[in-house]
Amino acid sequence: MPSARLRFAMVTLGSAGDLHPYLAIGRTLAERGHEVHLLSQAPYEQAARAAGLQFTAVVDAAAHNKTLNHPRLWQPIAGFGVLWRHLCVPAIGPTIDALRALANGSAEPLRVLASPLAVGARLAQDILPLRLWTGYTAPSALRNVEDPMFIGTWQVPKLVPAPVRQWLWKGVDRWKLEPMARPVLTRWQQTLGAKRLPGSIFGDWVHSPGGGLALYDASFARVPERWARRGVVNSGFPLFEADDQALPVALSEFLDAGPKPVVIFGGSAGSTDHLGMLALQAAEQLGYRAVLIRSEQAGQRDEASNSKSSKVHITGPVSLMHLLPRAAVWIHHGGIGSCAQGLASSTPQLVLASAYDQHDNGQRLALINAGAWLDSQGLDIPVISKTLARVLNQKYLGKSNNPARSLPGRPNLASQFAADHLSHE
């Protein structure tokens, strides 16, 4: 470990699943005595400062809330455009300004770990004295033609050859991604005097030429050879929880009162809470006890719902580190953070996937025998019930190769690996 105090910037945009790995790595670096700045959405400031990080908002609260509450956010085709217009593009200027201020105050190049969605960091790489790594929270961010491969919610059949898969990606670029992203990025490139944008924006340019960290286990998804040659390595899952707080008393009493329940979560963004309600009804039909976790975005939860059935407990966000080991099945939207928590506790999982990386994550869980997944489009209670019964009655063996949990003062092995990687190069 180097003795010098280094300066780092962590740049991430998105939901809690995008934030937490960066908090885990940043906290590890800060505990080692380094200066760490998190650049993200304004509502994440409290979590960042509680983890010992300095914070700069590159997206204000209004834009954050507009994105998470957008009616098209979870539509498979239109959702990424919502993220791009309302989150990624507004963050470009503030990200460049913040990195310029930090880099100009460094005795050596500023060390930056940035999400591929944080394109301001990628532009800054061409004009500022910084060392950039791209941090990938989910396998789908590393475009490849290997199986499993998803185009949106469509899983490309195994028999489709690699040249056809390449053609499919070219079609996505030509008709969707390039018209959306290239004009605005070209304007920024010309304004800044940065390098021209070669190749595919999302297939090539957003990825740092200096390599990156795949923030998940190789057992879940190994880095494809193409990206390994570019310096991307698996770190394992950098798990993060804000504190070691015990479960609420009412929830603990519910858990103690009977067999392991099904635990259900619609996602931190809140837009998929209706899937959680469907899963709850499926669990009730099967006669299982259930815990339903409502997101903060869902607003004031209906506490009276707890009294409607002795087999159901509804709660707000709680410590998954403490809850999931006491769960029979973990039902969720398929976000990478939820997948990681389920793997770390070796809890069987059922993913109800809507968009983004969720279908790919669900398929990878199935491939390692860690659970099952369903496409949420047109999903109904009988289908969920049938799949849930199968998950409950089968042996699921998949678990993370990264078992050390992320506790205050005890960062997990993945966080330590990432911190070493960023510090030593």
Protein backbone atom coordinates (compact mmCIF):
# COMPACT_ATOMS: atom_id res chain seq x y z
CA MET A 1 0.00 0.00 0.00
CA PRO A 2 1.45 3.38 -0.92
CA SER A 3 2.28 5.70 1.98
CA ALA A 4 1.45 8.88 0.06
CA ARG A 5 -1.98 10.41 0.46
CA LEU A 6 -3.66 10.18 -2.92
CA ARG A 7 -6.64 12.04 -4.34
CA PHE A 8 -9.53 10.07 -5.88
CA ALA A 9 -12.82 10.94 -7.55
CA MET A 10 -15.70 8.47 -7.84
CA VAL A 11 -18.30 9.40 -10.47
CA THR A 12 -21.55 7.45 -10.68
CA LEU A 13 -25.10 8.08 -11.86
CA GLY A 14 -28.24 6.03 -11.33
CA SER A 15 -29.99 4.19 -8.52
CA ALA A 16 -28.72 2.70 -5.25
CA GLY A 17 -27.34 -0.30 -7.13
CA ASP A 18 -25.10 2.07 -9.09
CA LEU A 19 -24.15 4.08 -6.02
CA HIS A 20 -23.33 1.46 -3.38
CA PRO A 21 -20.29 -0.20 -5.00
CA TYR A 22 -18.69 3.24 -5.39
CA LEU A 23 -19.46 4.08 -1.77
CA ALA A 24 -17.90 0.80 -0.65
CA ILE A 25 -14.68 1.41 -2.61
CA GLY A 26 -14.57 5.07 -1.66
CA ARG A 27 -15.01 4.27 2.03
CA THR A 28 -12.15 1.77 1.86
CA LEU A 29 -9.87 4.36 0.26
CA ALA A 30 -10.88 7.01 2.79
CA GLU A 31 -10.19 4.64 5.69
CA ARG A 32 -6.70 4.18 4.26
CA GLY A 33 -6.13 7.91 4.59
CA HIS A 34 -6.77 9.02 1.01
CA GLU A 35 -8.85 12.01 -0.08
CA VAL A 36 -11.96 10.73 -1.84
CA HIS A 37 -14.63 12.79 -3.61
CA LEU A 38 -17.94 11.35 -4.82
CA LEU A 39 -19.63 13.06 -7.77
CA SER A 40 -23.26 12.02 -8.15
CA GLN A 41 -26.89 13.04 -7.66
CA ALA A 42 -27.67 15.56 -4.92
CA PRO A 43 -29.88 13.23 -2.82
CA TYR A 44 -26.87 10.93 -2.29
CA GLU A 45 -24.86 13.54 -0.38
CA GLN A 46 -25.80 12.32 3.09
CA ALA A 47 -24.83 8.72 2.29
CA ALA A 48 -21.52 9.84 0.81
CA ARG A 49 -20.55 12.00 3.78
CA ALA A 50 -21.60 9.27 6.23
CA ALA A 51 -19.16 6.98 4.42
CA GLY A 52 -16.34 9.49 4.95
CA LEU A 53 -16.33 10.92 1.42
CA GLN A 54 -16.39 14.50 0.19
CA PHE A 55 -19.28 15.19 -2.14
CA THR A 56 -20.12 17.27 -5.21
CA ALA A 57 -23.58 17.19 -6.75
CA VAL A 58 -23.41 16.93 -10.55
CA VAL A 59 -27.18 16.36 -10.85
CA ASP A 60 -29.59 18.38 -8.73
CA ALA A 61 -32.49 16.94 -6.76
CA ALA A 62 -35.07 18.13 -9.28
CA ALA A 63 -33.43 16.24 -12.16
CA HIS A 64 -32.93 13.19 -9.94
CA ASN A 65 -36.58 13.08 -8.97
CA LYS A 66 -37.77 13.82 -12.50
CA THR A 67 -35.78 10.83 -13.75
CA LEU A 68 -36.93 8.36 -11.11
CA ASN A 69 -40.56 9.42 -11.43
CA HIS A 70 -40.63 9.53 -15.23
CA PRO A 71 -43.50 7.38 -16.57
CA ARG A 72 -41.28 5.85 -19.28
CA LEU A 73 -38.27 5.06 -17.08
CA TRP A 74 -39.00 1.33 -16.95
CA GLN A 75 -40.08 0.90 -20.55
CA PRO A 76 -37.57 -1.47 -22.20
CA ILE A 77 -36.96 0.70 -25.29
CA ALA A 78 -37.61 4.25 -24.09
CA GLY A 79 -36.15 3.93 -20.59
CA PHE A 80 -32.51 4.38 -21.55
CA GLY A 81 -33.41 7.56 -23.42
CA VAL A 82 -34.98 8.89 -20.22
CA LEU A 83 -31.74 8.21 -18.32
CA TRP A 84 -29.68 9.81 -21.05
CA ARG A 85 -31.70 13.01 -21.41
CA HIS A 86 -32.58 13.66 -17.77
CA LEU A 87 -29.55 12.29 -15.90
CA CYS A 88 -26.49 11.73 -18.09
CA VAL A 89 -26.57 14.87 -20.24
CA PRO A 90 -27.27 17.35 -17.41
CA ALA A 91 -24.31 15.87 -15.48
CA ILE A 92 -21.72 16.43 -18.24
CA GLY A 93 -20.82 20.06 -17.56
CA PRO A 94 -20.84 19.84 -13.74
CA THR A 95 -18.73 16.66 -13.88
CA ILE A 96 -16.08 18.27 -16.09
CA ASP A 97 -16.00 21.37 -13.87
CA ALA A 98 -15.66 19.33 -10.67
CA LEU A 99 -12.92 17.11 -12.10
CA ARG A 100 -11.05 20.15 -13.42
CA ALA A 101 -11.04 21.71 -9.95
CA LEU A 102 -9.82 18.48 -8.36
CA ALA A 103 -7.23 17.64 -11.03
CA ASN A 104 -5.71 21.12 -11.02
CA GLY A 105 -5.15 20.82 -7.28
CA SER A 106 -3.35 17.46 -7.48
CA ALA A 107 0.41 17.03 -7.31
CA GLU A 108 -0.02 13.97 -9.56
CA PRO A 109 -2.80 12.85 -11.92
CA LEU A 110 -6.18 12.64 -10.23
CA ARG A 111 -7.35 9.01 -10.00
CA VAL A 112 -10.92 8.60 -11.21
CA LEU A 113 -13.31 5.64 -11.19
CA ALA A 114 -16.38 6.48 -13.26
CA SER A 115 -19.51 4.76 -14.47
CA PRO A 116 -19.77 4.41 -18.27
CA LEU A 117 -22.88 6.61 -17.99
CA ALA A 118 -20.75 9.41 -16.51
CA VAL A 119 -19.63 10.60 -19.94
CA GLY A 120 -18.40 13.89 -18.51
CA ALA A 121 -15.54 11.94 -16.91
CA ARG A 122 -14.71 10.30 -20.25
CA LEU A 123 -14.59 13.71 -21.96
CA ALA A 124 -12.45 15.08 -19.12
CA GLN A 125 -9.92 12.29 -19.66
CA ASP A 126 -8.87 13.92 -22.95
CA ILE A 127 -8.28 17.39 -21.53
CA LEU A 128 -7.25 16.99 -17.88
CA PRO A 129 -4.32 15.38 -16.00
CA LEU A 130 -6.21 12.40 -14.64
CA ARG A 131 -6.06 8.59 -14.69
CA LEU A 132 -9.47 7.14 -15.55
CA TRP A 133 -10.81 3.65 -14.92
CA THR A 134 -14.35 2.70 -15.93
CA GLY A 135 -16.34 0.95 -13.20
CA TYR A 136 -18.95 -1.54 -14.43
CA THR A 137 -21.62 -2.45 -11.90
CA ALA A 138 -23.24 -5.07 -14.19
CA PRO A 139 -22.02 -7.41 -16.96
CA SER A 140 -24.36 -5.94 -19.59
CA ALA A 141 -22.32 -2.71 -19.58
CA LEU A 142 -19.48 -4.59 -21.31
CA ARG A 143 -20.84 -5.10 -24.80
CA ASN A 144 -19.98 -8.51 -26.24
CA VAL A 145 -21.35 -11.24 -28.51
CA GLU A 146 -21.01 -14.10 -26.05
CA ASP A 147 -23.94 -15.95 -24.52
CA PRO A 148 -26.02 -14.82 -22.68
CA MET A 149 -26.69 -11.79 -24.87
CA PHE A 150 -29.70 -9.51 -24.60
CA ILE A 151 -30.88 -6.75 -26.91
CA GLY A 152 -33.19 -4.91 -24.57
CA THR A 153 -35.49 -7.59 -23.16
CA TRP A 154 -34.89 -10.03 -26.01
CA GLN A 155 -32.48 -12.87 -25.34
CA VAL A 156 -30.51 -13.69 -28.46
CA PRO A 157 -30.79 -17.47 -29.08
CA LYS A 158 -27.62 -19.48 -28.46
CA LEU A 159 -27.48 -20.68 -32.06
CA VAL A 160 -27.17 -17.17 -33.50
CA PRO A 161 -23.55 -16.87 -34.76
CA ALA A 162 -21.15 -14.13 -33.71
CA PRO A 163 -21.25 -12.21 -37.04
CA VAL A 164 -25.03 -11.88 -36.76
CA ARG A 165 -24.70 -10.75 -33.15
CA GLN A 166 -22.26 -8.07 -34.24
CA TRP A 167 -24.73 -6.97 -36.89
CA LEU A 168 -27.45 -6.72 -34.24
CA TRP A 169 -25.31 -4.37 -32.15
CA LYS A 170 -24.57 -2.26 -35.21
CA GLY A 171 -28.31 -1.98 -35.79
CA VAL A 172 -28.91 -0.85 -32.19
CA ASP A 173 -26.21 1.77 -32.61
CA ARG A 174 -27.45 3.00 -35.97
CA TRP A 175 -31.14 3.27 -35.17
CA LYS A 176 -31.17 4.05 -31.44
CA LEU A 177 -27.97 4.89 -29.58
CA GLU A 178 -25.87 6.92 -32.01
CA PRO A 179 -28.67 9.38 -33.00
CA MET A 180 -29.41 9.85 -29.30
CA ALA A 181 -25.87 10.39 -28.01
CA ARG A 182 -23.45 11.45 -30.75
CA PRO A 183 -24.80 14.97 -31.50
CA VAL A 184 -24.57 16.18 -27.91
CA LEU A 185 -21.21 14.51 -27.29
CA THR A 186 -19.78 15.94 -30.52
CA ARG A 187 -20.79 19.43 -29.42
CA TRP A 188 -19.00 18.92 -26.10
CA GLN A 189 -15.95 17.44 -27.85
CA GLN A 190 -15.69 20.47 -30.13
CA THR A 191 -16.23 22.93 -27.29
CA LEU A 192 -13.56 21.33 -25.12
CA GLY A 193 -11.08 20.58 -27.88
CA ALA A 194 -11.19 16.91 -26.87
CA LYS A 195 -10.35 14.02 -29.17
CA ARG A 196 -12.83 13.04 -31.90
CA LEU A 197 -15.30 10.31 -30.98
CA PRO A 198 -14.19 7.13 -32.77
CA GLY A 199 -16.23 3.99 -33.39
CA SER A 200 -19.37 3.17 -31.45
CA ILE A 201 -20.22 5.54 -28.59
CA PHE A 202 -21.45 2.86 -26.19
CA GLY A 203 -19.61 -0.07 -27.72
CA ASP A 204 -16.22 1.60 -27.52
CA TRP A 205 -15.84 5.30 -26.69
CA VAL A 206 -17.46 5.47 -23.22
CA HIS A 207 -15.00 2.83 -21.97
CA SER A 208 -11.69 4.21 -20.73
CA PRO A 209 -8.69 3.14 -22.84
CA GLY A 210 -6.92 2.72 -19.51
CA GLY A 211 -9.02 -0.25 -18.40
CA GLY A 212 -11.52 -0.68 -15.63
CA LEU A 213 -13.09 -2.72 -12.87
CA ALA A 214 -15.96 -5.17 -13.33
CA LEU A 215 -17.60 -4.75 -9.93
CA TYR A 216 -18.96 -8.29 -9.67
CA ASP A 217 -17.70 -11.84 -9.19
CA ALA A 218 -16.14 -13.78 -12.02
CA SER A 219 -18.41 -16.66 -10.95
CA PHE A 220 -21.38 -14.45 -11.80
CA ALA A 221 -19.88 -13.17 -15.08
CA ARG A 222 -16.26 -13.33 -16.16
CA VAL A 223 -14.87 -10.37 -18.09
CA PRO A 224 -15.06 -11.21 -21.83
CA GLU A 225 -11.69 -11.68 -23.51
CA ARG A 226 -12.10 -8.55 -25.61
CA TRP A 227 -12.41 -6.42 -22.49
CA ALA A 228 -9.77 -8.30 -20.52
CA ARG A 229 -7.29 -7.32 -23.24
CA ARG A 230 -8.28 -3.70 -22.61
CA GLY A 231 -7.38 -3.99 -18.94
CA VAL A 232 -10.79 -4.71 -17.36
CA VAL A 233 -10.62 -7.08 -14.37
CA ASN A 234 -13.19 -8.60 -12.01
CA SER A 235 -13.09 -7.23 -8.48
CA GLY A 236 -15.96 -9.15 -6.90
CA PHE A 237 -19.05 -7.40 -5.50
CA PRO A 238 -18.14 -4.36 -3.35
CA LEU A 239 -21.07 -4.73 -0.96
CA PHE A 240 -22.12 -1.71 1.03
CA GLU A 241 -24.53 -0.90 3.83
CA ALA A 242 -24.61 2.46 5.50
CA ASP A 243 -24.43 1.11 9.04
CA ASP A 244 -24.75 -2.02 11.13
CA GLN A 245 -28.18 -1.14 12.45
CA ALA A 246 -30.31 -3.99 13.71
CA LEU A 247 -33.61 -4.83 12.06
CA PRO A 248 -36.68 -2.94 13.33
CA VAL A 249 -38.24 -4.56 16.38
CA ALA A 250 -41.56 -5.26 14.65
CA LEU A 251 -39.79 -6.99 11.76
CA SER A 252 -37.61 -9.05 14.10
CA GLU A 253 -40.67 -10.17 16.01
CA PHE A 254 -42.39 -11.18 12.77
CA LEU A 255 -39.36 -13.21 11.69
CA ASP A 256 -39.19 -14.94 15.07
CA ALA A 257 -42.88 -15.83 14.99
CA GLY A 258 -42.76 -18.44 12.21
CA PRO A 259 -40.86 -20.12 9.38
CA LYS A 260 -38.64 -18.22 6.97
CA PRO A 261 -40.71 -15.82 4.84
CA VAL A 262 -40.48 -14.83 1.22
CA VAL A 263 -38.84 -11.38 1.09
CA ILE A 264 -40.00 -9.06 -1.72
CA PHE A 265 -38.53 -5.80 -3.01
CA GLY A 266 -39.58 -3.82 -6.08
CA GLY A 267 -36.34 -1.81 -6.37
CA SER A 268 -34.84 1.36 -4.91
CA ALA A 269 -36.20 3.53 -7.73
CA GLY A 270 -39.76 2.77 -6.69
CA SER A 271 -41.20 2.58 -10.19
CA THR A 272 -41.62 -1.19 -10.03
CA ASP A 273 -43.37 -1.43 -6.66
CA HIS A 274 -46.42 -2.86 -8.43
CA LEU A 275 -44.39 -6.00 -9.20
CA GLY A 276 -43.76 -6.36 -5.50
CA MET A 277 -47.51 -6.33 -4.86
CA LEU A 278 -48.04 -9.05 -7.47
CA ALA A 279 -45.32 -11.16 -5.86
CA LEU A 280 -46.90 -10.63 -2.45
CA GLN A 281 -50.23 -11.95 -3.70
CA ALA A 282 -48.47 -14.95 -5.24
CA ALA A 283 -46.77 -15.77 -1.94
CA GLU A 284 -50.07 -15.44 -0.09
CA GLN A 285 -51.76 -17.82 -2.54
CA LEU A 286 -49.08 -20.40 -1.81
CA GLY A 287 -49.60 -19.95 1.93
CA TYR A 288 -46.15 -18.49 2.65
CA ARG A 289 -45.33 -15.74 5.05
CA ALA A 290 -43.94 -12.64 3.35
CA VAL A 291 -42.01 -9.46 4.03
CA LEU A 292 -42.63 -6.66 1.53
CA ILE A 293 -39.98 -3.93 1.42
CA ARG A 294 -41.34 -0.65 0.06
CA SER A 295 -38.88 1.77 -1.52
CA GLU A 296 -38.37 5.31 -0.27
CA GLN A 297 -39.69 6.51 -3.62
CA ALA A 298 -43.00 4.77 -2.94
CA GLY A 299 -43.86 7.43 -0.42
CA GLN A 300 -45.60 6.92 2.91
CA ARG A 301 -46.26 3.21 3.22
CA ASP A 302 -49.56 1.85 4.44
CA GLU A 303 -48.76 0.70 7.95
CA ALA A 304 -52.32 -0.59 8.34
CA SER A 305 -51.56 -3.23 5.73
CA ASN A 306 -49.53 -5.09 8.35
CA SER A 307 -52.69 -5.85 10.30
CA LYS A 308 -54.58 -7.34 7.36
CA SER A 309 -52.75 -10.64 7.59
CA SER A 310 -50.61 -12.21 10.26
CA LYS A 311 -48.55 -13.71 7.43
CA VAL A 312 -47.51 -10.38 5.87
CA HIS A 313 -45.21 -7.68 7.17
CA ILE A 314 -44.66 -4.43 5.22
CA THR A 315 -41.62 -2.30 5.95
CA GLY A 316 -39.47 0.46 4.54
CA PRO A 317 -35.80 -0.02 3.54
CA VAL A 318 -33.96 -2.26 6.00
CA SER A 319 -30.60 -3.99 6.32
CA LEU A 320 -30.51 -6.79 3.75
CA MET A 321 -27.34 -8.01 5.41
CA HIS A 322 -29.43 -8.99 8.42
CA LEU A 323 -32.69 -9.85 6.69
CA LEU A 324 -31.80 -12.08 3.73
CA PRO A 325 -30.13 -14.90 5.70
CA ARG A 326 -33.55 -15.33 7.33
CA ALA A 327 -35.44 -15.44 4.01
CA ALA A 328 -36.74 -18.50 2.15
CA VAL A 329 -36.63 -16.72 -1.23
CA TRP A 330 -35.50 -13.23 -2.26
CA ILE A 331 -37.86 -11.76 -4.90
CA HIS A 332 -36.73 -8.54 -6.55
CA HIS A 333 -36.50 -6.53 -9.77
CA GLY A 334 -33.09 -7.85 -10.85
CA GLY A 335 -30.95 -4.83 -10.04
CA ILE A 336 -27.30 -5.74 -9.58
CA GLY A 337 -27.20 -4.63 -5.94
CA SER A 338 -30.13 -6.89 -5.07
CA CYS A 339 -28.52 -9.79 -6.93
CA ALA A 340 -25.25 -9.26 -5.05
CA GLN A 341 -26.95 -9.21 -1.66
CA GLY A 342 -28.82 -12.41 -2.45
CA LEU A 343 -25.64 -14.15 -3.56
CA ALA A 344 -23.73 -13.03 -0.49
CA SER A 345 -26.40 -14.53 1.79
CA SER A 346 -26.82 -17.66 -0.41
CA THR A 347 -30.56 -16.98 -0.59
CA PRO A 348 -32.49 -18.40 -3.59
CA GLN A 349 -33.68 -15.58 -5.85
CA LEU A 350 -36.61 -14.87 -8.14
CA VAL A 351 -36.10 -11.91 -10.48
CA LEU A 352 -39.04 -10.05 -12.05
CA ALA A 353 -37.13 -8.19 -14.76
CA SER A 354 -38.35 -5.01 -16.46
CA ALA A 355 -35.48 -3.27 -18.29
CA TYR A 356 -31.79 -2.33 -18.42
CA ASP A 357 -29.48 -5.03 -17.03
CA GLN A 358 -32.20 -6.93 -15.18
CA HIS A 359 -32.90 -9.68 -17.73
CA ASP A 360 -29.19 -10.35 -18.16
CA ASN A 361 -28.67 -10.44 -14.39
CA GLY A 362 -31.58 -12.85 -13.96
CA GLN A 363 -30.24 -15.19 -16.63
CA ARG A 364 -26.80 -15.22 -15.01
CA LEU A 365 -28.36 -16.14 -11.67
CA ALA A 366 -30.14 -19.02 -13.39
CA LEU A 367 -26.91 -20.18 -15.05
CA ILE A 368 -25.15 -20.53 -11.69
CA ASN A 369 -28.20 -22.23 -10.14
CA ALA A 370 -28.89 -19.31 -7.82
CA GLY A 371 -32.53 -18.81 -8.80
CA ALA A 372 -34.97 -18.08 -11.63
CA TRP A 373 -36.24 -15.06 -13.52
CA LEU A 374 -39.34 -13.85 -15.36
CA ASP A 375 -39.96 -11.02 -17.80
CA SER A 376 -42.32 -8.59 -16.08
CA GLN A 377 -44.12 -7.72 -19.32
CA GLY A 378 -47.67 -9.07 -19.02
CA LEU A 379 -46.76 -10.91 -15.84
CA ASP A 380 -49.62 -12.21 -13.72
CA ILE A 381 -50.05 -13.82 -10.32
CA PRO A 382 -50.46 -17.45 -11.54
CA VAL A 383 -47.16 -17.34 -13.44
CA ILE A 384 -45.33 -15.84 -10.46
CA SER A 385 -46.91 -18.43 -8.15
CA LYS A 386 -45.83 -21.33 -10.37
CA THR A 387 -42.24 -20.09 -10.63
CA LEU A 388 -42.05 -19.21 -6.94
CA ALA A 389 -43.22 -22.71 -6.02
CA ARG A 390 -40.45 -24.15 -8.20
CA VAL A 391 -37.83 -21.95 -6.54
CA LEU A 392 -39.09 -22.88 -3.08
CA ASN A 393 -39.06 -26.60 -3.82
CA GLN A 394 -35.71 -26.88 -5.59
CA LYS A 395 -32.17 -26.71 -4.31
CA TYR A 396 -30.34 -23.60 -5.44
CA LEU A 397 -26.65 -23.76 -4.81
CA GLY A 398 -25.28 -20.61 -6.42
CA LYS A 399 -23.53 -18.19 -4.12
CA SER A 400 -20.90 -15.49 -4.26
CA ASN A 401 -17.21 -16.31 -4.10
CA ASN A 402 -16.91 -13.07 -2.18
CA PRO A 403 -18.48 -13.99 1.20
CA ALA A 404 -16.92 -11.31 3.42
CA ARG A 405 -19.60 -8.77 4.26
CA SER A 406 -19.18 -5.00 4.14
CA LEU A 407 -19.43 -3.80 7.72
CA PRO A 408 -18.35 -0.46 9.21
CA GLY A 409 -14.59 -0.62 9.53
CA ARG A 410 -14.53 -3.99 7.74
CA PRO A 411 -14.77 -3.46 3.99
CA ASN A 412 -15.27 -6.64 2.03
CA LEU A 413 -12.61 -8.30 -0.08
CA ALA A 414 -13.90 -6.78 -3.32
CA SER A 415 -13.60 -3.25 -1.92
CA GLN A 416 -10.07 -4.00 -0.80
CA PHE A 417 -9.13 -5.42 -4.20
CA ALA A 418 -10.57 -2.38 -5.99
CA ALA A 419 -8.82 0.04 -3.65
CA ASP A 420 -5.49 -1.74 -4.17
CA HIS A 421 -5.99 -1.70 -7.95
CA LEU A 422 -6.74 2.01 -8.08
CA SER A 423 -3.94 2.92 -5.68
CA HIS A 424 -1.08 0.91 -7.10
CA GLU A 425 -1.27 1.53 -10.85
